[in-house]
């Protein structure tokens, strides 16, 4: 859900409240949305958007021979959501964050997206684990 919302936000910026209410989803999908999934998705959506400058800076710092402006929307949404989680959600193991991003990229990305996503996120993970992070509490 968070990936879809962030993809939609990048494609045609929605107001944050519209994203968080899932008004962009079909009515039947809204009705079937589990409360726990919806709440966790809201946390990821809000956190990513409210910390977008720090998240994008982290992604930019870990792109090797690739320009940020050339990222496709699927990869960008996945990287943003996952980088936010790695940076600010200490209760989610990094291996799970990366595995989930790879899974989503295999389904929605290009043939090579999963390799690219894995490389960037693993680099971010190592930076966070190895050195003192200029970490701020998310807004």
N, C-alpha and C. Protein backbone atom coordinates (compact mmCIF):
# COMPACT_ATOMS: atom_id res chain seq x y z
N UNK A 1 0.83 -1.19 0.00
CA UNK A 1 0.00 0.00 0.00
C UNK A 1 0.87 1.26 0.00
N UNK A 2 1.88 1.25 0.84
CA UNK A 2 2.76 2.43 0.90
C UNK A 2 3.48 2.63 -0.42
N UNK A 3 3.96 1.55 -1.01
CA UNK A 3 4.62 1.65 -2.31
C UNK A 3 3.68 2.26 -3.35
N UNK A 4 2.46 1.77 -3.41
CA UNK A 4 1.49 2.30 -4.38
C UNK A 4 1.20 3.78 -4.13
N UNK A 5 1.08 4.15 -2.87
CA UNK A 5 0.79 5.55 -2.54
C UNK A 5 1.96 6.45 -2.94
N UNK A 6 3.18 6.02 -2.65
CA UNK A 6 4.35 6.84 -2.99
C UNK A 6 4.57 6.90 -4.49
N UNK A 7 4.25 5.84 -5.18
CA UNK A 7 4.30 5.85 -6.64
C UNK A 7 3.28 6.86 -7.18
N UNK A 8 2.08 6.83 -6.65
CA UNK A 8 1.02 7.77 -7.07
C UNK A 8 1.41 9.20 -6.76
N UNK A 9 2.00 9.42 -5.61
CA UNK A 9 2.42 10.76 -5.19
C UNK A 9 3.46 11.33 -6.13
N UNK A 10 4.37 10.49 -6.59
CA UNK A 10 5.40 10.93 -7.52
C UNK A 10 4.81 11.21 -8.90
N UNK A 11 3.87 10.38 -9.32
CA UNK A 11 3.27 10.52 -10.65
C UNK A 11 2.41 11.77 -10.75
N UNK A 12 1.60 12.01 -9.74
CA UNK A 12 0.71 13.17 -9.72
C UNK A 12 0.49 13.52 -8.26
N UNK A 13 1.28 14.43 -7.73
CA UNK A 13 1.24 14.68 -6.28
C UNK A 13 -0.16 14.88 -5.71
N UNK A 14 -0.48 13.99 -4.81
CA UNK A 14 -1.72 14.05 -4.06
C UNK A 14 -1.44 14.78 -2.76
N UNK A 15 -2.48 15.32 -2.18
CA UNK A 15 -2.34 15.88 -0.83
C UNK A 15 -2.07 14.72 0.12
N UNK A 16 -1.26 14.97 1.13
CA UNK A 16 -0.90 13.92 2.07
C UNK A 16 -2.13 13.26 2.66
N UNK A 17 -3.12 14.03 3.02
CA UNK A 17 -4.33 13.46 3.63
C UNK A 17 -5.07 12.54 2.68
N UNK A 18 -5.06 12.85 1.38
CA UNK A 18 -5.68 11.96 0.40
C UNK A 18 -4.93 10.63 0.33
N UNK A 19 -3.61 10.71 0.37
CA UNK A 19 -2.83 9.48 0.36
C UNK A 19 -3.10 8.64 1.60
N UNK A 20 -3.14 9.29 2.75
CA UNK A 20 -3.32 8.58 4.01
C UNK A 20 -4.73 8.01 4.19
N UNK A 21 -5.70 8.59 3.49
CA UNK A 21 -7.08 8.07 3.58
C UNK A 21 -7.33 6.98 2.54
N UNK A 22 -6.35 6.76 1.67
CA UNK A 22 -6.44 5.78 0.60
C UNK A 22 -7.60 6.05 -0.35
N UNK A 23 -7.93 7.33 -0.50
CA UNK A 23 -9.03 7.73 -1.39
C UNK A 23 -8.71 7.42 -2.85
N UNK A 24 -7.45 7.20 -3.17
CA UNK A 24 -7.02 6.88 -4.52
C UNK A 24 -7.26 5.41 -4.87
N UNK A 25 -7.60 4.60 -3.87
CA UNK A 25 -7.89 3.18 -4.10
C UNK A 25 -9.34 3.00 -4.54
N UNK A 26 -9.57 1.93 -5.29
CA UNK A 26 -10.94 1.57 -5.64
C UNK A 26 -11.70 1.27 -4.35
N UNK A 27 -13.00 1.55 -4.35
CA UNK A 27 -13.83 1.41 -3.15
C UNK A 27 -13.77 0.00 -2.56
N UNK A 28 -13.79 -1.01 -3.39
CA UNK A 28 -13.77 -2.39 -2.88
C UNK A 28 -12.44 -2.73 -2.21
N UNK A 29 -11.34 -2.16 -2.73
CA UNK A 29 -10.04 -2.38 -2.10
C UNK A 29 -9.94 -1.61 -0.79
N UNK A 30 -10.54 -0.43 -0.73
CA UNK A 30 -10.56 0.33 0.53
C UNK A 30 -11.31 -0.46 1.60
N UNK A 31 -12.44 -1.03 1.22
CA UNK A 31 -13.27 -1.78 2.17
C UNK A 31 -12.55 -3.02 2.70
N UNK A 32 -11.73 -3.63 1.87
CA UNK A 32 -11.04 -4.86 2.25
C UNK A 32 -9.73 -4.61 2.98
N UNK A 33 -9.34 -3.35 3.12
CA UNK A 33 -8.05 -3.01 3.71
C UNK A 33 -8.02 -3.35 5.19
N UNK A 34 -7.05 -4.17 5.57
CA UNK A 34 -6.85 -4.57 6.96
C UNK A 34 -6.35 -3.37 7.77
N UNK A 35 -6.83 -3.21 8.99
CA UNK A 35 -6.46 -2.09 9.85
C UNK A 35 -4.97 -1.99 10.13
N UNK A 36 -4.32 -3.12 10.40
CA UNK A 36 -2.89 -3.13 10.69
C UNK A 36 -2.07 -2.74 9.48
N UNK A 37 -2.45 -3.25 8.32
CA UNK A 37 -1.75 -2.92 7.08
C UNK A 37 -1.93 -1.44 6.77
N UNK A 38 -3.14 -0.96 6.95
CA UNK A 38 -3.42 0.46 6.67
C UNK A 38 -2.60 1.36 7.60
N UNK A 39 -2.53 1.01 8.87
CA UNK A 39 -1.80 1.85 9.82
C UNK A 39 -0.31 1.85 9.54
N UNK A 40 0.27 0.68 9.25
CA UNK A 40 1.70 0.62 8.94
C UNK A 40 1.98 1.37 7.63
N UNK A 41 1.10 1.22 6.66
CA UNK A 41 1.26 1.94 5.40
C UNK A 41 1.22 3.44 5.62
N UNK A 42 0.31 3.90 6.46
CA UNK A 42 0.24 5.34 6.77
C UNK A 42 1.54 5.83 7.41
N UNK A 43 2.10 5.03 8.30
CA UNK A 43 3.36 5.38 8.94
C UNK A 43 4.47 5.55 7.89
N UNK A 44 4.56 4.61 6.96
CA UNK A 44 5.58 4.68 5.92
C UNK A 44 5.35 5.85 4.97
N UNK A 45 4.11 6.07 4.58
CA UNK A 45 3.79 7.16 3.65
C UNK A 45 4.12 8.51 4.30
N UNK A 46 3.56 8.74 5.47
CA UNK A 46 3.78 10.01 6.17
C UNK A 46 5.27 10.23 6.46
N UNK A 47 5.92 9.22 7.00
CA UNK A 47 7.33 9.35 7.35
C UNK A 47 8.20 9.63 6.14
N UNK A 48 7.93 8.94 5.05
CA UNK A 48 8.73 9.14 3.84
C UNK A 48 8.54 10.55 3.30
N UNK A 49 7.31 10.99 3.19
CA UNK A 49 7.03 12.31 2.62
C UNK A 49 7.53 13.43 3.54
N UNK A 50 7.33 13.28 4.84
CA UNK A 50 7.77 14.32 5.77
C UNK A 50 9.30 14.40 5.87
N UNK A 51 9.98 13.34 5.52
CA UNK A 51 11.45 13.30 5.58
C UNK A 51 12.07 13.15 4.20
N UNK A 52 11.35 13.60 3.18
CA UNK A 52 11.75 13.37 1.80
C UNK A 52 13.13 13.94 1.48
N UNK A 53 13.47 15.08 2.02
CA UNK A 53 14.79 15.66 1.72
C UNK A 53 15.92 14.78 2.24
N UNK A 54 15.81 14.30 3.47
CA UNK A 54 16.84 13.43 4.04
C UNK A 54 16.87 12.08 3.33
N UNK A 55 15.70 11.55 3.02
CA UNK A 55 15.60 10.27 2.32
C UNK A 55 16.24 10.37 0.93
N UNK A 56 15.87 11.41 0.18
CA UNK A 56 16.44 11.59 -1.16
C UNK A 56 17.94 11.83 -1.11
N UNK A 57 18.41 12.56 -0.10
CA UNK A 57 19.85 12.79 0.04
C UNK A 57 20.58 11.47 0.29
N UNK A 58 19.99 10.61 1.10
CA UNK A 58 20.60 9.30 1.36
C UNK A 58 20.65 8.47 0.08
N UNK A 59 19.57 8.48 -0.66
CA UNK A 59 19.55 7.72 -1.92
C UNK A 59 20.60 8.27 -2.89
N UNK A 60 20.62 9.59 -3.05
CA UNK A 60 21.60 10.22 -3.95
C UNK A 60 23.04 9.82 -3.59
N UNK A 61 23.32 9.79 -2.30
CA UNK A 61 24.67 9.47 -1.84
C UNK A 61 25.08 8.04 -2.15
N UNK A 62 24.10 7.18 -2.44
CA UNK A 62 24.39 5.77 -2.67
C UNK A 62 24.14 5.31 -4.10
N UNK A 63 23.88 6.23 -4.98
CA UNK A 63 23.73 5.89 -6.40
C UNK A 63 25.12 5.87 -7.02
N UNK A 64 25.47 4.78 -7.62
CA UNK A 64 26.78 4.64 -8.28
C UNK A 64 26.58 4.78 -9.78
N UNK A 65 27.20 5.79 -10.36
CA UNK A 65 27.13 6.01 -11.81
C UNK A 65 25.69 6.09 -12.32
N UNK A 66 24.84 6.69 -11.53
CA UNK A 66 23.44 6.83 -11.91
C UNK A 66 22.94 8.18 -11.41
N UNK A 67 22.20 8.87 -12.24
CA UNK A 67 21.67 10.17 -11.88
C UNK A 67 20.27 10.00 -11.26
N UNK A 68 20.06 10.66 -10.15
CA UNK A 68 18.78 10.57 -9.43
C UNK A 68 17.59 10.88 -10.34
N UNK A 69 17.74 11.88 -11.20
CA UNK A 69 16.63 12.28 -12.07
C UNK A 69 16.27 11.22 -13.10
N UNK A 70 17.14 10.24 -13.31
CA UNK A 70 16.88 9.17 -14.27
C UNK A 70 16.20 7.96 -13.65
N UNK A 71 15.99 7.96 -12.35
CA UNK A 71 15.32 6.82 -11.71
C UNK A 71 13.89 6.71 -12.23
N UNK A 72 13.48 5.48 -12.55
CA UNK A 72 12.08 5.32 -12.94
C UNK A 72 11.21 5.38 -11.70
N UNK A 73 9.93 5.64 -11.88
CA UNK A 73 9.03 5.89 -10.74
C UNK A 73 8.89 4.69 -9.81
N UNK A 74 8.90 3.50 -10.36
CA UNK A 74 8.79 2.30 -9.52
C UNK A 74 10.01 2.21 -8.60
N UNK A 75 11.21 2.31 -9.20
CA UNK A 75 12.43 2.23 -8.40
C UNK A 75 12.50 3.35 -7.38
N UNK A 76 12.12 4.55 -7.79
CA UNK A 76 12.17 5.69 -6.88
C UNK A 76 11.24 5.50 -5.69
N UNK A 77 10.02 5.06 -5.94
CA UNK A 77 9.07 4.84 -4.84
C UNK A 77 9.59 3.77 -3.88
N UNK A 78 10.12 2.69 -4.44
CA UNK A 78 10.68 1.62 -3.60
C UNK A 78 11.88 2.08 -2.80
N UNK A 79 12.78 2.80 -3.45
CA UNK A 79 13.95 3.29 -2.74
C UNK A 79 13.58 4.26 -1.64
N UNK A 80 12.65 5.15 -1.91
CA UNK A 80 12.24 6.12 -0.88
C UNK A 80 11.62 5.43 0.33
N UNK A 81 10.67 4.55 0.08
CA UNK A 81 10.00 3.86 1.17
C UNK A 81 11.00 3.02 1.98
N UNK A 82 11.87 2.32 1.28
CA UNK A 82 12.82 1.44 1.95
C UNK A 82 13.92 2.22 2.66
N UNK A 83 14.43 3.27 2.02
CA UNK A 83 15.45 4.09 2.68
C UNK A 83 14.88 4.73 3.94
N UNK A 84 13.65 5.23 3.88
CA UNK A 84 13.01 5.79 5.08
C UNK A 84 12.98 4.73 6.18
N UNK A 85 12.56 3.53 5.83
CA UNK A 85 12.45 2.47 6.83
C UNK A 85 13.82 2.13 7.42
N UNK A 86 14.82 2.01 6.57
CA UNK A 86 16.17 1.73 7.08
C UNK A 86 16.68 2.85 7.98
N UNK A 87 16.37 4.09 7.62
CA UNK A 87 16.87 5.24 8.37
C UNK A 87 16.16 5.47 9.69
N UNK A 88 14.86 5.21 9.73
CA UNK A 88 14.06 5.66 10.88
C UNK A 88 13.27 4.58 11.61
N UNK A 89 13.17 3.40 11.07
CA UNK A 89 12.36 2.34 11.69
C UNK A 89 13.28 1.25 12.25
N UNK A 90 13.84 1.50 13.41
CA UNK A 90 14.78 0.56 14.01
C UNK A 90 14.16 -0.79 14.34
N UNK A 91 12.85 -0.84 14.46
CA UNK A 91 12.18 -2.09 14.83
C UNK A 91 11.98 -3.04 13.65
N UNK A 92 12.32 -2.60 12.44
CA UNK A 92 12.19 -3.46 11.26
C UNK A 92 13.59 -3.88 10.83
N UNK A 93 13.88 -5.18 10.86
CA UNK A 93 15.22 -5.63 10.47
C UNK A 93 15.56 -5.25 9.03
N UNK A 94 16.77 -4.73 8.80
CA UNK A 94 17.17 -4.32 7.46
C UNK A 94 17.01 -5.42 6.41
N UNK A 95 17.28 -6.67 6.78
CA UNK A 95 17.15 -7.76 5.81
C UNK A 95 15.72 -7.91 5.32
N UNK A 96 14.77 -7.66 6.19
CA UNK A 96 13.35 -7.74 5.79
C UNK A 96 13.01 -6.58 4.87
N UNK A 97 13.48 -5.38 5.20
CA UNK A 97 13.23 -4.21 4.35
C UNK A 97 13.75 -4.47 2.94
N UNK A 98 14.97 -4.94 2.85
CA UNK A 98 15.59 -5.17 1.54
C UNK A 98 14.89 -6.31 0.80
N UNK A 99 14.59 -7.40 1.49
CA UNK A 99 13.89 -8.52 0.85
C UNK A 99 12.52 -8.11 0.31
N UNK A 100 11.78 -7.33 1.09
CA UNK A 100 10.46 -6.87 0.63
C UNK A 100 10.60 -5.96 -0.59
N UNK A 101 11.57 -5.07 -0.57
CA UNK A 101 11.78 -4.18 -1.71
C UNK A 101 12.16 -4.97 -2.96
N UNK A 102 13.00 -5.97 -2.81
CA UNK A 102 13.38 -6.82 -3.94
C UNK A 102 12.15 -7.53 -4.49
N UNK A 103 11.32 -8.07 -3.61
CA UNK A 103 10.11 -8.75 -4.05
C UNK A 103 9.17 -7.85 -4.83
N UNK A 104 8.97 -6.65 -4.32
CA UNK A 104 8.10 -5.69 -5.01
C UNK A 104 8.71 -5.28 -6.35
N UNK A 105 10.04 -5.10 -6.37
CA UNK A 105 10.70 -4.69 -7.62
C UNK A 105 10.63 -5.80 -8.67
N UNK A 106 10.66 -7.05 -8.25
CA UNK A 106 10.52 -8.16 -9.20
C UNK A 106 9.13 -8.16 -9.84
N UNK A 107 8.15 -7.77 -9.06
CA UNK A 107 6.77 -7.77 -9.57
C UNK A 107 6.45 -6.54 -10.41
N UNK A 108 6.93 -5.37 -9.99
CA UNK A 108 6.52 -4.12 -10.63
C UNK A 108 7.61 -3.41 -11.43
N UNK A 109 8.86 -3.76 -11.19
CA UNK A 109 9.97 -3.07 -11.84
C UNK A 109 10.38 -3.70 -13.16
N UNK A 110 11.50 -3.22 -13.66
CA UNK A 110 12.07 -3.77 -14.88
C UNK A 110 12.80 -5.08 -14.54
N UNK A 111 13.31 -5.75 -15.56
CA UNK A 111 14.01 -7.02 -15.35
C UNK A 111 15.21 -6.88 -14.42
N UNK A 112 15.87 -5.73 -14.44
CA UNK A 112 17.07 -5.53 -13.62
C UNK A 112 16.82 -4.69 -12.36
N UNK A 113 15.59 -4.27 -12.14
CA UNK A 113 15.30 -3.41 -10.98
C UNK A 113 15.72 -4.04 -9.67
N UNK A 114 15.46 -5.34 -9.51
CA UNK A 114 15.74 -5.96 -8.22
C UNK A 114 17.23 -5.91 -7.88
N UNK A 115 18.09 -6.04 -8.87
CA UNK A 115 19.54 -5.95 -8.62
C UNK A 115 19.93 -4.53 -8.20
N UNK A 116 19.38 -3.57 -8.93
CA UNK A 116 19.66 -2.17 -8.64
C UNK A 116 19.17 -1.80 -7.24
N UNK A 117 17.93 -2.15 -6.94
CA UNK A 117 17.34 -1.87 -5.62
C UNK A 117 18.17 -2.52 -4.52
N UNK A 118 18.53 -3.77 -4.71
CA UNK A 118 19.33 -4.48 -3.72
C UNK A 118 20.66 -3.78 -3.48
N UNK A 119 21.35 -3.37 -4.54
CA UNK A 119 22.65 -2.72 -4.39
C UNK A 119 22.57 -1.40 -3.65
N UNK A 120 21.60 -0.57 -4.02
CA UNK A 120 21.47 0.73 -3.37
C UNK A 120 21.08 0.57 -1.90
N UNK A 121 20.09 -0.28 -1.63
CA UNK A 121 19.63 -0.44 -0.25
C UNK A 121 20.69 -1.10 0.63
N UNK A 122 21.43 -2.05 0.08
CA UNK A 122 22.49 -2.68 0.87
C UNK A 122 23.58 -1.67 1.21
N UNK A 123 23.88 -0.78 0.28
CA UNK A 123 24.85 0.28 0.54
C UNK A 123 24.36 1.23 1.63
N UNK A 124 23.08 1.58 1.58
CA UNK A 124 22.49 2.43 2.62
C UNK A 124 22.54 1.71 3.96
N UNK A 125 22.17 0.44 3.97
CA UNK A 125 22.20 -0.36 5.21
C UNK A 125 23.60 -0.36 5.83
N UNK A 126 24.62 -0.59 5.00
CA UNK A 126 25.99 -0.62 5.51
C UNK A 126 26.39 0.74 6.08
N UNK A 127 26.03 1.82 5.41
CA UNK A 127 26.35 3.16 5.91
C UNK A 127 25.73 3.39 7.28
N UNK A 128 24.48 3.00 7.43
CA UNK A 128 23.78 3.20 8.70
C UNK A 128 24.40 2.35 9.80
N UNK A 129 24.72 1.10 9.48
CA UNK A 129 25.26 0.18 10.50
C UNK A 129 26.72 0.45 10.85
N UNK A 130 27.51 0.92 9.89
CA UNK A 130 28.94 1.06 10.10
C UNK A 130 29.36 2.37 10.74
N UNK A 131 28.64 3.42 10.45
CA UNK A 131 29.13 4.71 10.91
C UNK A 131 28.11 5.47 11.72
N UNK A 132 28.60 6.52 12.35
CA UNK A 132 27.66 7.36 13.08
C UNK A 132 26.74 8.04 12.08
N UNK A 133 25.50 7.79 12.24
CA UNK A 133 24.49 8.33 11.33
C UNK A 133 24.08 9.71 11.82
N UNK A 134 23.98 10.62 10.93
CA UNK A 134 23.45 11.94 11.28
C UNK A 134 21.95 11.81 11.33
N UNK A 135 21.51 11.00 12.24
CA UNK A 135 20.11 10.63 12.34
C UNK A 135 19.33 11.71 13.08
N UNK A 136 18.18 11.97 12.54
CA UNK A 136 17.25 12.89 13.19
C UNK A 136 15.99 12.12 13.43
N UNK A 137 15.27 12.50 14.46
CA UNK A 137 13.96 11.90 14.64
C UNK A 137 13.07 12.35 13.52
N UNK A 138 12.27 11.40 12.95
CA UNK A 138 11.37 11.81 11.88
C UNK A 138 10.35 12.79 12.41
N UNK A 139 9.90 13.64 11.52
CA UNK A 139 8.93 14.67 11.91
C UNK A 139 7.62 14.05 12.30
